[in-house]
Amino acid sequence: MNKDTTGESHDTERDASNAHPEELLAINEKLVIASIQQHEYAESARLEEQRAKADLGQLRADHDGLSLSLEQLRGTVAVIQAAYEREHHIAESLQRPLMMEIPEDAFPGLSVATLYAPALDEAEVGGDFFDALLLTNGRGGSRVALLVGDVTGKGLVAAALAGRVKEVLRAFLHEDSDPARTLARLNDYLCETVGEAIGGHFGSSAVLPVALSLAVLDPETGLASFTSAGAEPPALLRADGTAVEVEVGGLLLGIRPQEVYTKTVLPLSPGDAVLLLTDGITEVRRGDEFLGYEGMLQLAMQPPIGASARDTIHAILEGARAFGGGFRDDVCLLLARRQ
């Protein structure tokens, strides 16, 4: 019996001894796999860390570059803003004499009123202007020249050109009071001279077209001569409360030399008035509806008969502003009533 027990014990030990290496081998395999995976994870983590550091470095470089670009942009904007403000100030200085209000009693036998209203966007100075001057013929007689003009565009060049046109027109009218011949002469002057004199000085060689409406009237006889170059036609406001368009027109100034302009001569009775205007009034709109020339005439007839020149012109301006809620272009008005 002892012999059998000892034999079984030896078999058990042998089985255990045979199983142990396999278990160890399995454990070793798992350890090797785990080690390899750990190495791969470590390598992957190292690469990710390198990429993260590279991305962070790029972000820092981009940030530094962006900061530098932002500072450069701010500097550029500051330079542009300073240049704009300087140009705007010069343009305002040039425009201010063009808009000096004319005294109501500046001319014997006439009552004169003028108004200027800027567009809703007042960022740039416009080229609108008006003027009224006394013309003597050397024989004791005198006439009054009335004009309203609009230089195409805005800014410094437009304001400078408006001032030049006003000065030259004054000189030409003192030499020849005929409005048609004067506009023809002014047109040739603009086509041949001003492109270099104005545009070259302010950085542009092109002449901006000029719209202009001109009336020359004799307060004593009541005769008035009208001409126009691409501007809104003059209007005649009768003392009886009616208003009519003066049919006259011509090409914008400064486009084509040797242009011929015509004139219309009409009598003014005491109480009648001449109205000159830029298209900022007629082009005011409500949605898709424009006030138009007829709408402007309706506004001109609203003041009661006998209303002063100033009351009449204010009624036109405020009526147009109420119609459109404001002006998209500068507005210039001049009214002269024969007393």
Protein backbone atom coordinates (compact mmCIF):
# COMPACT_ATOMS: atom_id res chain seq x y z
CA MET A 1 0.00 0.00 0.00
CA ASN A 2 2.81 2.29 0.77
CA LYS A 3 4.24 1.54 -2.64
CA ASP A 4 1.08 2.64 -4.45
CA THR A 5 0.86 5.89 -2.52
CA THR A 6 4.42 6.77 -3.32
CA GLY A 7 3.85 6.09 -7.01
CA GLU A 8 0.86 8.38 -7.15
CA SER A 9 2.83 11.10 -5.41
CA HIS A 10 5.59 10.87 -8.00
CA ASP A 11 3.03 11.12 -10.83
CA THR A 12 1.49 14.25 -9.35
CA GLU A 13 4.84 15.93 -8.94
CA ARG A 14 5.73 15.03 -12.51
CA ASP A 15 2.45 16.50 -13.84
CA ALA A 16 2.97 19.68 -11.87
CA SER A 17 6.52 19.91 -13.07
CA ASN A 18 5.39 19.55 -16.70
CA ALA A 19 2.65 22.26 -16.41
CA HIS A 20 4.77 24.96 -14.77
CA PRO A 21 6.91 25.93 -17.81
CA GLU A 22 3.82 26.50 -20.00
CA GLU A 23 2.29 28.80 -17.51
CA LEU A 24 5.55 30.70 -17.24
CA LEU A 25 5.77 30.88 -21.03
CA ALA A 26 2.25 32.32 -21.24
CA ILE A 27 3.08 34.84 -18.57
CA ASN A 28 6.29 35.79 -20.33
CA GLU A 29 4.44 36.25 -23.61
CA LYS A 30 1.94 38.56 -21.95
CA LEU A 31 4.76 40.50 -20.35
CA VAL A 32 6.55 40.85 -23.69
CA ILE A 33 3.36 42.00 -25.42
CA ALA A 34 2.64 44.45 -22.63
CA SER A 35 6.19 45.76 -22.85
CA ILE A 36 5.94 46.21 -26.61
CA GLN A 37 2.58 47.97 -26.29
CA GLN A 38 3.96 50.17 -23.53
CA HIS A 39 6.88 51.10 -25.78
CA GLU A 40 4.56 51.85 -28.67
CA TYR A 41 2.34 53.97 -26.42
CA ALA A 42 5.37 55.81 -25.09
CA GLU A 43 6.68 56.45 -28.62
CA SER A 44 3.23 57.62 -29.74
CA ALA A 45 2.96 59.88 -26.73
CA ARG A 46 6.42 61.28 -27.46
CA LEU A 47 5.49 62.02 -31.08
CA GLU A 48 2.21 63.63 -30.03
CA GLU A 49 4.10 65.74 -27.53
CA GLN A 50 6.53 66.83 -30.26
CA ARG A 51 3.65 67.71 -32.59
CA ALA A 52 1.89 69.58 -29.79
CA LYS A 53 5.06 71.54 -29.07
CA ALA A 54 5.47 72.32 -32.78
CA ASP A 55 1.85 73.43 -33.06
CA LEU A 56 2.23 75.56 -29.95
CA GLY A 57 5.35 77.12 -31.39
CA GLN A 58 3.55 77.86 -34.65
CA LEU A 59 0.63 79.36 -32.76
CA ARG A 60 3.01 81.58 -30.81
CA ALA A 61 4.74 82.62 -34.04
CA ASP A 62 1.38 83.30 -35.69
CA HIS A 63 0.28 85.29 -32.65
CA ASP A 64 3.46 87.34 -32.70
CA GLY A 65 3.07 87.90 -36.44
CA LEU A 66 -0.59 88.81 -36.00
CA SER A 67 0.27 91.24 -33.24
CA LEU A 68 2.89 92.82 -35.47
CA SER A 69 0.47 92.98 -38.42
CA LEU A 70 -2.21 94.47 -36.18
CA GLU A 71 0.16 97.17 -35.02
CA GLN A 72 1.16 97.86 -38.62
CA LEU A 73 -2.51 98.01 -39.60
CA ARG A 74 -3.26 100.41 -36.77
CA GLY A 75 -0.40 102.60 -37.88
CA THR A 76 -1.60 102.57 -41.47
CA VAL A 77 -5.15 103.40 -40.42
CA ALA A 78 -3.87 106.27 -38.29
CA VAL A 79 -1.91 107.68 -41.23
CA ILE A 80 -4.91 107.37 -43.58
CA GLN A 81 -7.24 108.93 -40.99
CA ALA A 82 -4.88 111.85 -40.46
CA ALA A 83 -4.58 112.39 -44.22
CA TYR A 84 -8.36 112.23 -44.62
CA GLU A 85 -8.96 114.71 -41.79
CA ARG A 86 -6.38 117.06 -43.28
CA GLU A 87 -7.98 116.83 -46.72
CA HIS A 88 -11.46 117.23 -45.25
CA HIS A 89 -10.37 120.35 -43.35
CA ILE A 90 -8.86 121.87 -46.50
CA ALA A 91 -11.98 121.01 -48.53
CA GLU A 92 -14.21 122.63 -45.89
CA SER A 93 -12.02 125.73 -45.94
CA LEU A 94 -12.34 125.89 -49.73
CA GLN A 95 -16.10 125.32 -49.64
CA ARG A 96 -16.91 127.82 -46.90
CA PRO A 97 -16.58 130.97 -49.07
CA LEU A 98 -18.76 129.32 -51.72
CA MET A 99 -21.61 129.01 -49.21
CA MET A 100 -21.49 132.43 -47.57
CA GLU A 101 -25.05 133.62 -47.21
CA ILE A 102 -26.00 136.53 -49.46
CA PRO A 103 -27.80 139.38 -47.65
CA GLU A 104 -31.45 139.61 -48.63
CA ASP A 105 -31.12 143.28 -49.59
CA ALA A 106 -27.74 142.99 -51.34
CA PHE A 107 -29.10 144.27 -54.67
CA PRO A 108 -31.45 147.19 -55.33
CA GLY A 109 -34.85 146.08 -56.56
CA LEU A 110 -34.34 142.42 -55.55
CA SER A 111 -34.91 140.29 -52.47
CA VAL A 112 -32.44 137.37 -52.40
CA ALA A 113 -32.38 134.19 -50.31
CA THR A 114 -29.93 131.29 -50.41
CA LEU A 115 -29.78 127.91 -48.67
CA TYR A 116 -27.38 124.99 -48.57
CA ALA A 117 -28.12 121.63 -46.94
CA PRO A 118 -25.59 118.77 -46.87
CA ALA A 119 -26.46 115.16 -47.65
CA LEU A 120 -27.32 112.70 -44.88
CA ASP A 121 -23.78 111.30 -45.15
CA GLU A 122 -21.58 114.31 -44.37
CA ALA A 123 -18.33 112.36 -44.56
CA GLU A 124 -17.13 114.28 -47.61
CA VAL A 125 -17.51 117.88 -48.68
CA GLY A 126 -19.52 118.29 -51.87
CA GLY A 127 -19.03 120.50 -54.91
CA ASP A 128 -22.25 122.54 -54.72
CA PHE A 129 -21.98 126.34 -54.79
CA PHE A 130 -24.02 129.48 -55.44
CA ASP A 131 -23.25 133.11 -56.19
CA ALA A 132 -24.88 136.45 -56.94
CA LEU A 133 -23.06 139.52 -58.23
CA LEU A 134 -23.79 142.99 -59.53
CA LEU A 135 -22.76 143.72 -63.12
CA THR A 136 -22.44 147.32 -64.25
CA ASN A 137 -22.25 148.42 -67.88
CA GLY A 138 -20.38 151.65 -67.24
CA ARG A 139 -23.37 153.75 -68.33
CA GLY A 140 -25.16 153.81 -65.02
CA GLY A 141 -27.14 150.65 -65.69
CA SER A 142 -26.69 147.40 -63.82
CA ARG A 143 -27.73 143.78 -63.93
CA VAL A 144 -27.56 140.99 -61.37
CA ALA A 145 -26.11 137.59 -62.20
CA LEU A 146 -27.46 134.64 -60.22
CA LEU A 147 -25.95 131.16 -60.41
CA VAL A 148 -26.06 127.74 -58.81
CA GLY A 149 -23.51 125.04 -59.66
CA ASP A 150 -22.61 121.48 -58.81
CA VAL A 151 -19.20 119.93 -59.49
CA THR A 152 -19.46 116.17 -60.02
CA GLY A 153 -17.97 114.20 -57.14
CA LYS A 154 -16.93 115.15 -53.63
CA GLY A 155 -13.84 115.94 -51.64
CA LEU A 156 -10.89 118.21 -52.12
CA VAL A 157 -10.77 118.24 -55.92
CA ALA A 158 -14.49 119.01 -56.23
CA ALA A 159 -14.27 121.84 -53.68
CA ALA A 160 -11.17 123.31 -55.33
CA LEU A 161 -12.77 123.17 -58.78
CA ALA A 162 -15.97 124.78 -57.50
CA GLY A 163 -13.94 127.69 -56.16
CA ARG A 164 -12.08 128.08 -59.45
CA VAL A 165 -15.31 127.98 -61.50
CA LYS A 166 -16.88 130.65 -59.32
CA GLU A 167 -13.87 132.96 -59.61
CA VAL A 168 -13.50 132.56 -63.38
CA LEU A 169 -17.23 132.92 -64.00
CA ARG A 170 -17.26 136.19 -62.10
CA ALA A 171 -14.44 137.51 -64.27
CA PHE A 172 -16.10 136.40 -67.50
CA LEU A 173 -19.48 137.91 -66.53
CA HIS A 174 -17.91 141.28 -65.83
CA GLU A 175 -16.49 141.22 -69.36
CA ASP A 176 -19.67 139.93 -71.04
CA SER A 177 -23.01 139.66 -69.23
CA ASP A 178 -24.61 137.47 -71.90
CA PRO A 179 -25.18 134.14 -70.07
CA ALA A 180 -25.00 131.88 -73.14
CA ARG A 181 -21.70 133.29 -74.41
CA THR A 182 -20.30 133.23 -70.88
CA LEU A 183 -21.10 129.53 -70.38
CA ALA A 184 -19.54 128.69 -73.75
CA ARG A 185 -16.38 130.53 -72.77
CA LEU A 186 -16.32 128.90 -69.34
CA ASN A 187 -16.77 125.48 -70.92
CA ASP A 188 -13.76 126.00 -73.21
CA TYR A 189 -11.72 127.20 -70.27
CA LEU A 190 -12.56 124.07 -68.26
CA CYS A 191 -11.82 121.75 -71.17
CA GLU A 192 -8.48 123.35 -71.99
CA THR A 193 -7.06 124.66 -68.72
CA VAL A 194 -8.48 123.42 -65.47
CA GLY A 195 -7.49 119.77 -65.89
CA GLU A 196 -3.86 120.70 -65.30
CA ALA A 197 -4.40 123.71 -63.03
CA ILE A 198 -6.69 121.93 -60.54
CA GLY A 199 -6.43 118.21 -61.13
CA GLY A 200 -2.66 118.15 -61.48
CA HIS A 201 -2.22 120.00 -58.20
CA PHE A 202 -4.47 117.63 -56.27
CA GLY A 203 -3.39 114.36 -57.86
CA SER A 204 -5.83 113.96 -60.75
CA SER A 205 -5.50 115.08 -64.34
CA ALA A 206 -9.21 114.69 -65.18
CA VAL A 207 -11.66 117.59 -65.14
CA LEU A 208 -14.82 116.85 -63.21
CA PRO A 209 -17.95 117.83 -65.18
CA VAL A 210 -19.80 120.84 -63.81
CA ALA A 211 -23.56 121.41 -63.85
CA LEU A 212 -24.50 125.08 -63.75
CA SER A 213 -27.63 127.20 -63.97
CA LEU A 214 -27.23 130.92 -64.69
CA ALA A 215 -29.64 133.83 -64.82
CA VAL A 216 -28.84 137.48 -65.59
CA LEU A 217 -31.67 139.90 -64.84
CA ASP A 218 -32.30 143.60 -64.91
CA PRO A 219 -34.21 144.62 -61.75
CA GLU A 220 -35.32 147.86 -63.38
CA THR A 221 -36.82 146.49 -66.62
CA GLY A 222 -37.60 143.00 -65.30
CA LEU A 223 -35.98 141.22 -68.26
CA ALA A 224 -34.19 138.01 -67.29
CA SER A 225 -31.93 135.82 -69.46
CA PHE A 226 -31.56 132.17 -68.51
CA THR A 227 -29.13 129.46 -69.57
CA SER A 228 -28.16 126.08 -68.20
CA ALA A 229 -25.41 123.47 -68.56
CA GLY A 230 -26.61 120.05 -67.43
CA ALA A 231 -28.35 121.49 -64.37
CA GLU A 232 -31.94 121.48 -63.19
CA PRO A 233 -33.85 124.07 -65.24
CA PRO A 234 -34.50 127.42 -63.53
CA ALA A 235 -38.05 128.03 -62.33
CA LEU A 236 -40.11 131.20 -62.54
CA LEU A 237 -42.39 131.74 -59.52
CA ARG A 238 -45.11 134.20 -60.49
CA ALA A 239 -46.57 136.71 -58.07
CA ASP A 240 -50.03 135.12 -58.54
CA GLY A 241 -48.84 131.89 -56.91
CA THR A 242 -48.17 129.88 -60.08
CA ALA A 243 -44.82 128.39 -61.05
CA VAL A 244 -43.34 127.37 -64.39
CA GLU A 245 -40.17 125.68 -65.62
CA VAL A 246 -37.89 127.83 -67.76
CA GLU A 247 -37.16 125.68 -70.80
CA VAL A 248 -33.43 125.92 -71.37
CA GLY A 249 -30.63 123.37 -71.27
CA GLY A 250 -27.18 122.43 -72.47
CA LEU A 251 -24.31 119.99 -72.02
CA LEU A 252 -22.41 119.75 -68.74
CA LEU A 253 -19.39 122.03 -68.61
CA GLY A 254 -15.94 120.55 -69.12
CA ILE A 255 -16.91 117.63 -71.37
CA ARG A 256 -16.58 118.91 -74.94
CA PRO A 257 -14.96 122.16 -76.16
CA GLN A 258 -16.59 124.58 -78.57
CA GLU A 259 -20.04 123.76 -77.21
CA VAL A 260 -22.85 126.21 -78.01
CA TYR A 261 -25.27 127.23 -75.27
CA THR A 262 -28.63 128.92 -75.78
CA LYS A 263 -30.58 131.34 -73.63
CA THR A 264 -34.22 132.06 -72.88
CA VAL A 265 -35.36 135.63 -72.16
CA LEU A 266 -38.48 136.20 -70.03
CA PRO A 267 -40.02 139.27 -68.38
CA LEU A 268 -40.41 139.41 -64.60
CA SER A 269 -43.25 141.42 -63.11
CA PRO A 270 -42.96 142.91 -59.62
CA GLY A 271 -43.37 140.04 -57.15
CA ASP A 272 -42.10 137.40 -59.59
CA ALA A 273 -39.11 135.33 -58.50
CA VAL A 274 -36.32 133.34 -60.12
CA LEU A 275 -35.46 130.00 -58.50
CA LEU A 276 -32.19 128.16 -59.19
CA LEU A 277 -31.41 124.77 -57.63
CA THR A 278 -29.22 121.67 -57.74
CA ASP A 279 -30.61 118.19 -58.27
CA GLY A 280 -30.29 117.27 -54.58
CA ILE A 281 -33.86 118.60 -54.21
CA THR A 282 -35.51 116.90 -57.18
CA GLU A 283 -33.75 113.59 -56.57
CA VAL A 284 -34.89 113.25 -52.98
CA ARG A 285 -37.06 110.15 -52.75
CA ARG A 286 -39.45 108.15 -50.63
CA GLY A 287 -38.83 104.50 -51.40
CA ASP A 288 -38.83 104.25 -55.20
CA GLU A 289 -40.74 107.54 -55.64
CA PHE A 290 -38.74 110.68 -56.49
CA LEU A 291 -39.94 114.18 -55.63
CA GLY A 292 -39.02 115.29 -59.16
CA TYR A 293 -39.17 118.73 -60.70
CA GLU A 294 -42.96 118.94 -60.65
CA GLY A 295 -43.00 118.00 -56.97
CA MET A 296 -40.50 120.75 -56.30
CA LEU A 297 -42.72 123.28 -58.11
CA GLN A 298 -45.68 122.17 -55.98
CA LEU A 299 -43.65 122.90 -52.86
CA ALA A 300 -42.67 126.31 -54.28
CA MET A 301 -46.35 127.24 -54.70
CA GLN A 302 -47.38 126.33 -51.15
CA PRO A 303 -46.31 129.54 -49.35
CA PRO A 304 -49.01 132.24 -49.41
CA ILE A 305 -48.86 134.98 -52.02
CA GLY A 306 -46.55 137.73 -50.83
CA ALA A 307 -44.36 135.39 -48.76
CA SER A 308 -40.76 136.54 -48.42
CA ALA A 309 -37.98 135.01 -50.48
CA ARG A 310 -36.58 133.36 -47.35
CA ASP A 311 -39.93 131.87 -46.32
CA THR A 312 -40.44 130.49 -49.82
CA ILE A 313 -37.05 128.86 -50.04
CA HIS A 314 -37.37 127.36 -46.55
CA ALA A 315 -40.75 125.91 -47.49
CA ILE A 316 -39.17 124.17 -50.50
CA LEU A 317 -36.28 122.83 -48.45
CA GLU A 318 -38.37 121.57 -45.54
CA GLY A 319 -41.04 120.12 -47.84
CA ALA A 320 -38.39 118.13 -49.72
CA ARG A 321 -36.79 116.97 -46.47
CA ALA A 322 -40.15 115.82 -45.13
CA PHE A 323 -40.85 113.96 -48.38
CA GLY A 324 -37.66 111.91 -48.30
CA GLY A 325 -36.61 112.03 -44.65
CA GLY A 326 -33.36 113.75 -45.63
CA PHE A 327 -31.14 114.35 -48.63
CA ARG A 328 -28.92 111.77 -50.34
CA ASP A 329 -27.04 114.55 -52.14
CA ASP A 330 -26.14 118.10 -51.22
CA VAL A 331 -28.85 120.70 -51.84
CA CYS A 332 -28.31 124.24 -53.05
CA LEU A 333 -31.09 126.80 -53.57
CA LEU A 334 -31.12 130.43 -54.65
CA LEU A 335 -34.24 132.57 -55.01
CA ALA A 336 -34.37 136.22 -56.14
CA ARG A 337 -37.70 138.06 -56.08
CA ARG A 338 -38.24 141.29 -58.00
CA GLN A 339 -39.63 144.00 -55.76
